[in-house]
N, C-alpha and C. Protein backbone atom coordinates (compact mmCIF):
# COMPACT_ATOMS: atom_id res chain seq x y z
N MET A 1 119.70 96.33 100.09
CA MET A 1 118.78 95.47 99.47
C MET A 1 119.20 93.82 100.13
N LEU A 2 120.48 93.40 100.50
CA LEU A 2 120.86 92.16 101.34
C LEU A 2 120.45 92.22 102.64
N ILE A 3 119.96 93.41 103.09
CA ILE A 3 119.57 93.25 104.51
C ILE A 3 117.64 93.08 104.43
N ILE A 4 117.24 93.09 103.33
CA ILE A 4 115.78 93.12 103.36
C ILE A 4 115.85 91.36 102.98
N GLY A 5 116.65 90.95 102.08
CA GLY A 5 116.23 89.82 101.60
C GLY A 5 116.99 88.94 102.62
N SER A 6 117.82 89.21 103.61
CA SER A 6 118.21 88.16 104.68
C SER A 6 116.83 88.38 105.52
N TRP A 7 116.13 89.53 105.84
CA TRP A 7 115.00 89.79 106.81
C TRP A 7 113.92 88.66 106.10
N ILE A 8 113.47 88.45 104.80
CA ILE A 8 112.55 87.56 104.24
C ILE A 8 112.84 86.29 104.31
N VAL A 9 114.17 86.09 104.34
CA VAL A 9 114.64 84.38 104.59
C VAL A 9 114.56 84.07 105.97
N SER A 10 114.91 84.96 106.76
CA SER A 10 114.76 84.96 108.36
C SER A 10 113.30 84.47 108.80
N LEU A 11 112.45 85.18 108.16
CA LEU A 11 110.74 84.98 108.18
C LEU A 11 110.50 83.79 107.79
N LEU A 12 111.04 83.57 106.73
CA LEU A 12 110.32 82.04 106.28
C LEU A 12 110.99 80.72 106.96
N CYS A 13 112.44 80.99 107.43
CA CYS A 13 112.89 79.78 108.18
C CYS A 13 111.94 80.04 109.67
N ILE A 14 111.98 81.03 110.39
CA ILE A 14 111.09 80.94 111.44
C ILE A 14 109.69 80.25 111.30
N ALA A 15 109.12 80.83 110.43
CA ALA A 15 107.60 80.17 109.94
C ALA A 15 107.83 79.00 109.80
N ASP A 16 108.83 78.04 108.84
CA ASP A 16 108.69 76.95 109.01
C ASP A 16 109.00 76.26 110.35
N LEU A 17 109.89 76.55 110.86
CA LEU A 17 110.35 76.08 112.25
C LEU A 17 109.15 75.89 113.20
N VAL A 18 108.23 76.87 113.26
CA VAL A 18 107.04 76.95 114.16
C VAL A 18 106.00 76.23 113.47
N ARG A 19 105.89 76.08 112.29
CA ARG A 19 104.98 75.02 111.43
C ARG A 19 105.25 73.52 112.11
N ARG A 20 106.69 73.50 112.01
CA ARG A 20 107.08 71.91 112.19
C ARG A 20 107.11 71.62 113.63
N LEU A 21 107.05 72.64 114.74
CA LEU A 21 106.81 72.46 115.97
C LEU A 21 105.52 72.05 116.63
N GLY A 22 104.57 72.48 115.86
CA GLY A 22 103.21 71.97 116.06
C GLY A 22 102.05 73.16 115.83
N ASP A 23 102.17 73.84 114.92
CA ASP A 23 101.67 74.74 114.28
C ASP A 23 100.42 74.28 113.00
N ASN A 24 99.80 73.21 113.99
CA ASN A 24 98.97 72.59 113.21
C ASN A 24 98.05 72.90 112.09
N ASP A 25 97.30 74.20 112.31
CA ASP A 25 96.18 74.79 110.99
C ASP A 25 97.26 75.58 110.36
N GLY A 26 98.56 75.92 110.64
CA GLY A 26 99.47 76.43 109.70
C GLY A 26 99.25 78.39 110.02
N GLU A 27 98.15 78.54 110.67
CA GLU A 27 97.49 80.10 110.97
C GLU A 27 98.89 81.02 111.14
N LEU A 28 99.63 80.62 112.57
CA LEU A 28 100.26 81.22 113.32
C LEU A 28 101.70 81.18 112.40
N SER A 29 102.06 80.37 111.60
CA SER A 29 103.50 80.52 110.66
C SER A 29 103.11 81.45 109.64
N ARG A 30 101.85 81.30 108.99
CA ARG A 30 101.56 82.46 108.06
C ARG A 30 101.46 83.75 108.66
N LYS A 31 100.95 84.06 109.79
CA LYS A 31 100.73 85.22 110.44
C LYS A 31 102.31 85.95 110.61
N ILE A 32 103.07 85.04 111.14
CA ILE A 32 104.37 85.52 111.05
C ILE A 32 104.97 86.40 109.88
N VAL A 33 104.95 85.44 108.85
CA VAL A 33 105.36 86.12 107.34
C VAL A 33 104.36 87.43 107.11
N HIS A 34 103.38 87.19 107.35
CA HIS A 34 102.22 88.15 107.14
C HIS A 34 102.87 89.67 108.26
N ILE A 35 102.66 89.45 109.17
CA ILE A 35 103.06 90.68 110.08
C ILE A 35 104.86 90.88 109.82
N GLY A 36 105.76 89.96 109.59
CA GLY A 36 106.73 90.50 109.17
C GLY A 36 107.36 91.34 108.46
N THR A 37 106.60 90.95 107.03
CA THR A 37 106.79 91.12 105.62
C THR A 37 106.32 93.22 105.58
N ALA A 38 105.77 93.31 106.69
CA ALA A 38 105.07 94.68 106.58
C ALA A 38 106.49 95.87 106.91
N ALA A 39 107.35 95.08 107.48
CA ALA A 39 108.77 96.01 107.73
C ALA A 39 109.70 96.31 106.53
N ILE A 40 109.03 95.37 105.55
CA ILE A 40 109.84 95.73 104.14
C ILE A 40 110.05 96.99 103.68
N ILE A 41 108.48 97.45 103.77
CA ILE A 41 108.53 99.03 102.86
C ILE A 41 109.24 99.92 103.61
N PRO A 42 108.98 100.11 105.17
CA PRO A 42 109.82 100.89 105.90
C PRO A 42 111.44 100.65 105.72
N MET A 43 111.57 99.79 105.81
CA MET A 43 113.71 99.27 105.13
C MET A 43 113.65 99.71 103.85
N ALA A 44 112.79 99.82 102.92
CA ALA A 44 112.93 100.02 101.60
C ALA A 44 112.80 101.62 101.36
N TRP A 45 112.23 102.35 102.43
CA TRP A 45 112.11 103.62 102.54
C TRP A 45 113.30 104.47 102.88
N THR A 46 113.86 103.76 103.97
CA THR A 46 114.91 103.89 104.99
C THR A 46 116.16 104.14 103.96
N PHE A 47 116.32 102.99 103.13
CA PHE A 47 117.24 102.70 102.27
C PHE A 47 117.48 103.11 100.80
N GLU A 48 116.21 103.74 100.47
CA GLU A 48 115.75 104.70 99.93
C GLU A 48 116.20 103.95 98.12
N LEU A 49 115.36 102.74 98.38
CA LEU A 49 115.17 101.98 97.15
C LEU A 49 114.41 102.51 96.12
N SER A 50 114.98 101.89 94.74
CA SER A 50 114.10 102.80 93.66
C SER A 50 112.81 102.31 93.20
N LYS A 51 112.13 102.92 92.66
CA LYS A 51 110.61 102.21 92.34
C LYS A 51 110.96 101.23 91.28
N ILE A 52 111.71 100.97 90.45
CA ILE A 52 111.95 99.97 89.42
C ILE A 52 112.52 98.82 90.11
N LEU A 53 113.05 98.83 91.26
CA LEU A 53 113.66 97.86 92.09
C LEU A 53 112.95 97.15 92.85
N ILE A 54 111.91 97.92 93.51
CA ILE A 54 110.89 97.61 94.58
C ILE A 54 109.92 96.67 93.59
N VAL A 55 109.45 97.19 92.33
CA VAL A 55 108.45 96.85 91.37
C VAL A 55 108.80 95.56 90.98
N SER A 56 109.90 95.57 90.31
CA SER A 56 110.21 94.25 89.63
C SER A 56 110.78 93.40 90.89
N CYS A 57 111.16 93.51 92.05
CA CYS A 57 110.91 92.24 93.14
C CYS A 57 109.59 91.82 93.45
N GLY A 58 108.82 93.10 93.66
CA GLY A 58 107.32 92.63 93.53
C GLY A 58 106.48 91.62 92.65
N ILE A 59 106.93 91.92 91.50
CA ILE A 59 106.26 91.14 90.53
C ILE A 59 106.76 89.83 90.56
N VAL A 60 108.07 89.54 90.66
CA VAL A 60 108.35 88.17 91.10
C VAL A 60 108.04 87.62 92.20
N VAL A 61 108.13 88.19 93.28
CA VAL A 61 107.65 87.82 94.70
C VAL A 61 105.82 87.33 94.42
N THR A 62 105.20 88.04 93.98
CA THR A 62 103.72 87.89 93.43
C THR A 62 103.78 86.67 92.35
N THR A 63 104.57 86.33 91.80
CA THR A 63 104.36 85.20 90.90
C THR A 63 104.78 83.99 91.44
N LEU A 64 105.65 84.23 92.04
CA LEU A 64 106.03 82.84 93.38
C LEU A 64 105.14 82.72 93.95
N THR A 65 104.37 83.36 94.94
CA THR A 65 103.56 83.30 95.44
C THR A 65 102.35 82.61 95.07
N LEU A 66 101.82 83.34 93.83
CA LEU A 66 100.99 82.40 92.65
C LEU A 66 101.29 80.69 92.50
N ILE A 67 102.30 80.44 92.17
CA ILE A 67 103.19 79.50 92.17
C ILE A 67 102.83 78.71 93.21
N ASN A 68 103.16 78.75 94.33
CA ASN A 68 103.42 78.35 95.77
C ASN A 68 102.02 78.17 96.01
N HIS A 69 100.95 78.66 95.91
CA HIS A 69 99.44 78.77 95.83
C HIS A 69 98.86 77.44 95.20
N ARG A 70 99.71 77.39 94.00
CA ARG A 70 99.13 75.88 93.30
C ARG A 70 99.77 74.88 93.86
N TRP A 71 101.01 74.76 94.19
CA TRP A 71 101.73 73.62 94.58
C TRP A 71 102.26 73.32 96.06
N ARG A 72 102.08 74.55 97.00
CA ARG A 72 101.87 74.28 98.09
C ARG A 72 103.60 73.92 98.41
N LEU A 73 104.33 74.67 97.65
CA LEU A 73 105.82 74.12 97.81
C LEU A 73 106.37 74.59 99.47
N LEU A 74 105.91 75.74 99.74
CA LEU A 74 105.70 76.29 101.33
C LEU A 74 104.87 76.38 102.13
N LYS A 75 104.77 75.25 102.71
CA LYS A 75 103.33 75.08 103.39
C LYS A 75 103.31 76.42 104.37
N SER A 76 104.51 76.75 105.26
CA SER A 76 103.96 77.44 106.23
C SER A 76 103.66 78.58 105.73
N ILE A 77 103.53 79.15 104.55
CA ILE A 77 102.94 80.37 104.01
C ILE A 77 101.38 80.31 103.34
N GLU A 78 101.00 79.05 103.35
CA GLU A 78 99.84 78.63 102.43
C GLU A 78 99.10 77.61 102.84
N ASP A 79 99.55 76.50 103.79
CA ASP A 79 98.80 75.66 104.21
C ASP A 79 97.92 75.89 105.48
N ILE A 80 96.23 76.25 104.90
CA ILE A 80 95.59 76.66 106.34
C ILE A 80 94.19 76.18 105.85
N GLY A 81 94.25 75.41 105.17
CA GLY A 81 92.89 74.71 105.23
C GLY A 81 91.65 75.57 104.48
N ARG A 82 91.93 76.59 103.97
CA ARG A 82 90.77 77.20 103.11
C ARG A 82 91.41 77.87 101.87
N ARG A 83 90.53 78.25 100.92
CA ARG A 83 90.94 78.95 99.50
C ARG A 83 91.34 80.07 99.56
N SER A 84 92.68 80.50 99.66
CA SER A 84 92.68 82.08 100.08
C SER A 84 94.06 82.31 98.99
N PHE A 85 93.50 83.54 98.57
CA PHE A 85 94.93 84.24 97.56
C PHE A 85 95.11 85.35 98.11
N GLY A 86 95.40 85.16 99.59
CA GLY A 86 95.99 86.52 100.35
C GLY A 86 97.23 86.93 100.24
N THR A 87 98.12 85.83 100.12
CA THR A 87 99.63 86.25 100.11
C THR A 87 99.95 86.91 98.97
N SER A 88 99.22 85.99 97.79
CA SER A 88 99.72 86.92 96.43
C SER A 88 98.72 88.08 96.40
N ALA A 89 97.90 88.38 96.96
CA ALA A 89 97.35 89.52 97.13
C ALA A 89 98.03 90.79 97.94
N TYR A 90 98.73 90.11 98.72
CA TYR A 90 99.55 90.80 99.62
C TYR A 90 100.81 91.67 98.54
N GLY A 91 101.39 90.88 98.12
CA GLY A 91 102.43 91.07 97.30
C GLY A 91 102.24 91.81 96.04
N LEU A 92 100.83 91.69 95.56
CA LEU A 92 100.47 92.40 94.31
C LEU A 92 100.25 94.18 95.02
N SER A 93 99.40 94.19 96.30
CA SER A 93 99.04 95.61 96.89
C SER A 93 100.52 96.38 97.04
N ILE A 94 101.13 95.84 97.41
CA ILE A 94 102.65 96.23 97.74
C ILE A 94 103.03 96.70 96.16
N THR A 95 103.07 96.00 95.06
CA THR A 95 103.66 96.22 93.86
C THR A 95 103.03 97.50 93.00
N LEU A 96 101.63 97.44 93.64
CA LEU A 96 101.03 98.18 92.95
C LEU A 96 100.84 99.68 93.73
N LEU A 97 101.13 99.81 94.82
CA LEU A 97 101.25 100.77 95.74
C LEU A 97 102.70 101.60 95.42
N VAL A 98 103.61 100.67 95.45
CA VAL A 98 105.03 101.60 95.08
C VAL A 98 104.82 101.73 93.49
N ALA A 99 104.26 101.20 92.56
CA ALA A 99 104.23 101.80 91.27
C ALA A 99 103.46 103.14 91.57
N LEU A 100 102.56 103.21 91.93
CA LEU A 100 101.72 104.57 92.09
C LEU A 100 102.10 105.56 92.85
N LEU A 101 102.44 105.22 93.81
CA LEU A 101 102.83 106.45 94.70
C LEU A 101 104.39 106.55 95.25
N TRP A 102 105.28 105.87 94.68
CA TRP A 102 106.71 106.11 95.30
C TRP A 102 107.98 106.84 94.14
N PRO A 103 108.86 107.55 94.99
CA PRO A 103 108.93 107.70 96.13
C PRO A 103 108.26 108.98 96.94
N GLU A 104 107.53 109.34 96.13
CA GLU A 104 107.08 110.68 96.85
C GLU A 104 106.11 110.74 97.68
N ARG A 105 105.21 109.80 97.65
CA ARG A 105 104.65 109.36 98.77
C ARG A 105 104.55 108.17 99.49
N ALA A 106 105.73 108.03 99.86
CA ALA A 106 106.24 106.54 100.17
C ALA A 106 105.57 106.43 101.98
N ASP A 107 105.48 107.52 102.09
CA ASP A 107 104.76 107.65 103.77
C ASP A 107 103.15 107.06 103.76
N ALA A 108 102.23 107.04 102.45
CA ALA A 108 101.20 106.84 102.33
C ALA A 108 101.58 105.29 101.91
N VAL A 109 102.43 104.30 101.28
CA VAL A 109 102.48 103.24 101.18
C VAL A 109 102.83 102.58 102.17
N THR A 110 103.65 103.10 103.30
CA THR A 110 104.00 102.51 104.47
C THR A 110 102.97 102.42 105.40
N ALA A 111 102.01 103.39 105.34
CA ALA A 111 100.33 103.28 106.24
C ALA A 111 100.07 102.21 105.83
N GLY A 112 99.47 102.03 104.57
CA GLY A 112 98.74 101.08 104.12
C GLY A 112 99.39 99.53 104.22
N ILE A 113 100.46 99.48 103.79
CA ILE A 113 101.29 98.04 104.49
C ILE A 113 101.23 98.12 105.68
N LEU A 114 101.77 98.92 106.54
CA LEU A 114 101.74 98.63 108.02
C LEU A 114 100.42 98.05 108.71
N VAL A 115 99.40 99.02 108.45
CA VAL A 115 98.03 98.75 108.37
C VAL A 115 97.59 97.10 108.49
N MET A 116 97.88 96.61 106.78
CA MET A 116 97.80 95.49 106.61
C MET A 116 98.31 94.32 107.33
N GLY A 117 99.62 94.36 107.21
CA GLY A 117 100.84 93.44 107.86
C GLY A 117 100.49 93.60 109.52
N ILE A 118 100.34 94.26 110.28
CA ILE A 118 100.55 94.58 111.60
C ILE A 118 98.94 94.70 112.09
N GLY A 119 98.14 95.28 111.46
CA GLY A 119 96.61 95.27 111.72
C GLY A 119 95.79 93.97 111.81
N ASP A 120 95.86 93.67 110.48
CA ASP A 120 95.13 92.43 110.00
C ASP A 120 96.06 90.85 110.73
N GLY A 121 97.12 91.17 110.51
CA GLY A 121 97.68 89.84 111.20
C GLY A 121 97.79 89.76 112.69
N CYS A 122 97.65 90.74 113.60
CA CYS A 122 97.18 90.80 114.88
C CYS A 122 96.04 90.45 115.11
N ALA A 123 95.13 90.93 114.27
CA ALA A 123 93.53 90.58 114.57
C ALA A 123 93.35 89.28 114.19
N GLY A 124 94.07 88.64 113.15
CA GLY A 124 93.71 87.09 112.78
C GLY A 124 94.50 86.27 114.11
N LEU A 125 95.47 86.53 114.69
CA LEU A 125 95.78 85.87 115.97
C LEU A 125 95.07 85.73 117.07
N ILE A 126 94.76 86.98 117.52
CA ILE A 126 93.89 87.43 118.28
C ILE A 126 92.74 86.90 118.36
N GLY A 127 91.90 87.28 117.35
CA GLY A 127 90.54 86.87 116.82
C GLY A 127 90.24 85.53 117.14
N ARG A 128 91.25 84.40 116.92
CA ARG A 128 90.95 83.02 116.92
C ARG A 128 91.32 82.46 118.19
N ARG A 129 91.88 83.13 119.16
CA ARG A 129 92.37 82.75 120.33
C ARG A 129 91.58 83.11 121.51
N LEU A 130 91.10 84.37 121.34
CA LEU A 130 89.86 84.93 122.74
C LEU A 130 88.60 84.45 122.00
N ASN A 131 87.92 84.09 123.12
CA ASN A 131 86.46 83.80 123.09
C ASN A 131 85.77 85.06 123.08
N SER A 132 84.84 85.42 122.00
CA SER A 132 84.35 86.87 122.08
C SER A 132 82.99 86.42 120.97
N PRO A 133 82.23 87.30 120.76
CA PRO A 133 81.25 86.88 119.87
C PRO A 133 81.50 87.23 118.71
N ARG A 134 81.15 86.07 117.79
CA ARG A 134 81.48 86.02 116.40
C ARG A 134 80.25 85.95 115.11
N TRP A 135 80.63 86.46 114.30
CA TRP A 135 79.71 86.40 112.77
C TRP A 135 80.27 85.99 111.63
N THR A 136 79.46 85.88 110.75
CA THR A 136 80.04 85.33 109.15
C THR A 136 79.80 86.11 108.02
N LEU A 137 80.69 86.59 107.43
CA LEU A 137 80.51 87.64 106.36
C LEU A 137 81.20 86.69 104.73
N PHE A 138 80.50 86.35 104.14
CA PHE A 138 80.69 85.72 102.67
C PHE A 138 81.69 84.75 103.19
N GLY A 139 81.28 83.59 104.19
CA GLY A 139 82.01 82.50 104.31
C GLY A 139 83.26 82.58 105.36
N GLN A 140 83.39 83.88 105.68
CA GLN A 140 84.63 84.06 106.53
C GLN A 140 84.06 84.48 108.14
N THR A 141 84.37 83.86 109.08
CA THR A 141 84.42 84.10 110.55
C THR A 141 85.04 85.04 110.89
N LYS A 142 84.35 86.21 111.58
CA LYS A 142 84.96 87.60 112.15
C LYS A 142 84.59 87.48 113.55
N SER A 143 85.40 88.01 114.60
CA SER A 143 84.82 88.29 115.73
C SER A 143 85.51 89.58 116.49
N LEU A 144 84.55 89.86 117.49
CA LEU A 144 84.52 91.22 117.85
C LEU A 144 86.16 91.34 118.36
N ALA A 145 86.56 90.32 119.15
CA ALA A 145 87.94 90.26 119.60
C ALA A 145 89.04 90.55 118.66
N GLY A 146 88.74 90.17 117.26
CA GLY A 146 89.92 90.14 116.24
C GLY A 146 89.43 91.68 115.64
N THR A 147 88.12 92.46 115.47
CA THR A 147 87.81 93.40 114.93
C THR A 147 88.41 94.72 115.84
N VAL A 148 88.29 94.56 117.35
CA VAL A 148 88.81 95.48 117.97
C VAL A 148 90.22 95.78 117.83
N THR A 149 90.90 94.52 117.91
CA THR A 149 92.62 94.08 118.13
C THR A 149 92.63 94.78 116.57
N MET A 150 92.22 94.79 115.06
CA MET A 150 92.28 95.67 114.22
C MET A 150 92.16 97.28 114.27
N ALA A 151 91.42 97.51 114.94
CA ALA A 151 91.04 98.96 114.97
C ALA A 151 92.17 99.36 116.04
N LEU A 152 92.67 99.01 116.85
CA LEU A 152 93.37 99.54 118.03
C LEU A 152 94.84 99.33 116.98
N ALA A 153 95.12 98.44 116.57
CA ALA A 153 96.66 98.00 116.16
C ALA A 153 96.99 99.11 114.93
N SER A 154 95.73 99.26 114.03
CA SER A 154 95.97 99.82 112.80
C SER A 154 96.02 101.42 113.54
N GLY A 155 95.17 102.18 114.27
CA GLY A 155 95.43 103.15 114.78
C GLY A 155 96.97 103.59 115.26
N LEU A 156 97.17 102.64 116.15
CA LEU A 156 98.66 102.60 116.99
C LEU A 156 99.86 102.69 115.64
N CYS A 157 99.82 102.10 114.59
CA CYS A 157 100.76 102.07 113.41
C CYS A 157 100.42 103.56 112.90
N LEU A 158 99.39 104.12 112.70
CA LEU A 158 99.07 105.47 112.03
C LEU A 158 99.69 106.58 112.97
N ILE A 159 99.55 106.54 114.19
CA ILE A 159 99.95 107.25 115.03
C ILE A 159 101.49 107.14 114.87
N VAL A 160 102.13 106.32 114.75
CA VAL A 160 103.77 106.04 115.01
C VAL A 160 104.07 106.57 113.80
N LEU A 161 103.73 106.04 112.67
CA LEU A 161 104.05 106.63 111.28
C LEU A 161 103.81 108.00 111.33
N ALA A 162 102.69 108.67 111.91
CA ALA A 162 102.72 110.34 112.07
C ALA A 162 103.41 110.85 112.64
N LEU A 163 104.01 110.12 113.76
CA LEU A 163 104.96 110.85 114.71
C LEU A 163 106.30 110.79 114.08
N SER A 164 106.98 109.76 113.51
CA SER A 164 108.12 109.49 113.02
C SER A 164 108.22 110.25 111.77
N THR A 165 107.07 110.90 110.86
CA THR A 165 107.21 111.84 109.94
C THR A 165 107.12 112.94 110.38
N GLN A 166 106.54 113.59 111.24
CA GLN A 166 106.02 114.53 111.63
C GLN A 166 105.02 115.26 110.97
N ALA A 167 104.19 114.20 110.58
CA ALA A 167 102.46 114.49 109.61
C ALA A 167 101.67 114.96 110.84
N ALA A 168 100.81 116.16 110.60
CA ALA A 168 99.79 116.43 111.35
C ALA A 168 98.49 115.38 111.04
N ILE A 169 98.39 114.64 112.02
CA ILE A 169 97.11 113.71 111.94
C ILE A 169 95.79 114.09 113.09
N SER A 170 94.51 114.69 112.36
CA SER A 170 93.90 114.80 113.64
C SER A 170 92.82 113.61 114.16
N VAL A 171 92.44 113.80 115.34
CA VAL A 171 91.81 112.57 115.68
C VAL A 171 90.56 111.83 114.70
N PRO A 172 89.59 112.84 113.97
CA PRO A 172 88.56 112.57 113.12
C PRO A 172 89.36 111.72 112.04
N THR A 173 90.61 112.07 111.44
CA THR A 173 91.00 111.49 110.46
C THR A 173 91.93 110.27 110.94
N LEU A 174 92.06 109.87 111.71
CA LEU A 174 92.88 108.87 112.48
C LEU A 174 91.78 107.79 112.54
N LEU A 175 90.57 108.44 113.18
CA LEU A 175 89.57 107.48 113.49
C LEU A 175 88.61 106.72 111.80
N LEU A 176 88.95 107.76 110.91
CA LEU A 176 88.35 107.92 109.60
C LEU A 176 89.47 106.34 108.80
N ILE A 177 90.35 107.03 108.99
CA ILE A 177 91.27 105.57 108.06
C ILE A 177 91.39 104.76 108.85
N SER A 178 91.48 104.60 110.13
CA SER A 178 91.34 103.45 110.73
C SER A 178 90.11 102.75 110.81
N GLY A 179 88.98 103.45 110.85
CA GLY A 179 87.72 102.51 110.47
C GLY A 179 87.54 102.43 109.04
N SER A 180 87.82 102.83 108.24
CA SER A 180 87.97 102.36 106.79
C SER A 180 88.60 100.85 106.51
N ALA A 181 89.59 101.10 107.21
CA ALA A 181 90.29 99.92 107.31
C ALA A 181 89.54 98.57 108.13
N VAL A 182 88.82 98.69 109.00
CA VAL A 182 88.15 97.91 109.80
C VAL A 182 87.12 97.39 108.83
N VAL A 183 86.36 98.38 108.39
CA VAL A 183 85.34 97.78 107.52
C VAL A 183 85.83 97.01 106.19
N LEU A 184 86.86 97.29 105.72
CA LEU A 184 87.55 96.65 104.46
C LEU A 184 88.08 95.46 104.62
N GLU A 185 88.55 95.30 105.92
CA GLU A 185 88.71 93.92 106.60
C GLU A 185 87.60 93.04 106.63
N GLN A 186 86.39 93.49 106.91
CA GLN A 186 85.27 92.55 107.16
C GLN A 186 84.93 91.40 105.92
N PHE A 187 85.65 92.44 104.87
CA PHE A 187 85.02 91.64 103.72
C PHE A 187 86.38 91.05 102.80
N SER A 188 86.86 89.82 103.66
CA SER A 188 88.13 89.14 103.32
C SER A 188 87.90 88.02 102.44
N PHE A 189 86.88 88.01 101.79
CA PHE A 189 86.55 86.33 101.12
C PHE A 189 87.84 86.25 100.36
N ALA A 190 88.27 85.10 99.86
CA ALA A 190 89.51 84.76 99.42
C ALA A 190 90.68 85.57 99.44
N GLY A 191 90.80 86.15 100.39
CA GLY A 191 92.02 87.20 100.76
C GLY A 191 92.27 88.25 100.27
N ILE A 192 91.10 88.96 99.71
CA ILE A 192 90.92 90.04 98.68
C ILE A 192 91.25 91.35 99.83
N ASP A 193 91.11 91.18 101.05
CA ASP A 193 91.20 92.11 102.04
C ASP A 193 92.71 92.40 102.03
N ASN A 194 93.51 91.53 101.73
CA ASN A 194 94.94 91.96 101.59
C ASN A 194 95.50 92.76 100.59
N LEU A 195 94.35 92.97 99.85
CA LEU A 195 94.66 93.88 98.41
C LEU A 195 93.76 95.55 99.05
N SER A 196 92.28 95.14 99.32
CA SER A 196 91.66 96.23 99.58
C SER A 196 92.02 97.10 100.78
N VAL A 197 92.66 96.41 101.73
CA VAL A 197 92.74 97.41 102.83
C VAL A 197 94.24 98.27 103.01
N PRO A 198 95.25 97.48 102.40
CA PRO A 198 96.40 98.28 102.08
C PRO A 198 96.39 99.41 101.22
N ILE A 199 95.37 99.34 100.12
CA ILE A 199 95.04 100.40 98.93
C ILE A 199 94.36 101.49 99.56
N GLY A 200 93.49 100.86 100.01
CA GLY A 200 92.37 101.84 100.81
C GLY A 200 93.02 103.17 101.75
N VAL A 201 93.67 102.43 102.84
CA VAL A 201 94.47 103.03 103.95
C VAL A 201 95.67 104.41 102.86
N ALA A 202 96.25 103.38 102.26
CA ALA A 202 97.32 104.45 101.56
C ALA A 202 96.54 105.54 100.42
N LEU A 203 95.61 105.35 100.00
CA LEU A 203 95.10 106.19 99.56
C LEU A 203 94.29 107.38 100.27
N LEU A 204 93.73 106.81 101.40
CA LEU A 204 93.06 107.72 102.16
C LEU A 204 94.18 108.61 103.04
N TRP A 205 95.65 108.01 103.25
CA TRP A 205 96.27 108.87 103.63
C TRP A 205 97.06 109.54 102.69
N GLN A 206 97.22 109.73 101.50
CA GLN A 206 97.36 110.24 100.44
C GLN A 206 96.88 111.53 100.37
N GLN A 207 95.49 111.22 100.54
CA GLN A 207 94.50 112.65 100.35
C GLN A 207 94.40 113.37 101.47
N LEU A 208 94.65 112.75 102.51
CA LEU A 208 94.34 113.54 104.03
C LEU A 208 95.44 113.92 104.61
N ILE A 209 96.66 113.65 104.57
CA ILE A 209 97.50 113.87 105.16
C ILE A 209 98.60 114.53 104.35
N ARG A 210 99.01 115.80 104.67
CA ARG A 210 100.18 116.40 103.45
C ARG A 210 101.28 116.77 104.62
């Protein structure tokens, strides 16, 4: 638990430093936290943390992010110039998935959080920086570069997870789960994708991967 706590504090410190050094729109510092947080669940799985401990911490963290959303105490994870409950939804998704599936299907929880953290995080960073066709859904701008990045990063996360757990995953199943993540990520108004993507991916993994 100490290692995970130290990891979270390190992420927040790095994100705050990046913001102070010139991350004017706050997106990079926020994505550092977003991507780095994905490592928490694999760590918890490795250290065999109990469901009650993770859920309790998840409730506390989600509550704190809601408070931070209201008063912007930690600008490095919220100050992005648009209304979004994404950070709180992220914490809620972890809490719900652990409550539902831990520890019997810790692999499914890990799949959902890795795809959300790494896939969506990389998509947000690359999509904003590369010039590619763009479109708008529910007030959120999406790009071809970001969508392709989401698909590739999600697929890679799932392949690595399957290899590390010796799970059999077919190409059609891989494409189905990755494709579902991409579709769910398109509907990201108010940060709702931080809830829908990990839960959707985790439930698909639970049903399709044995």
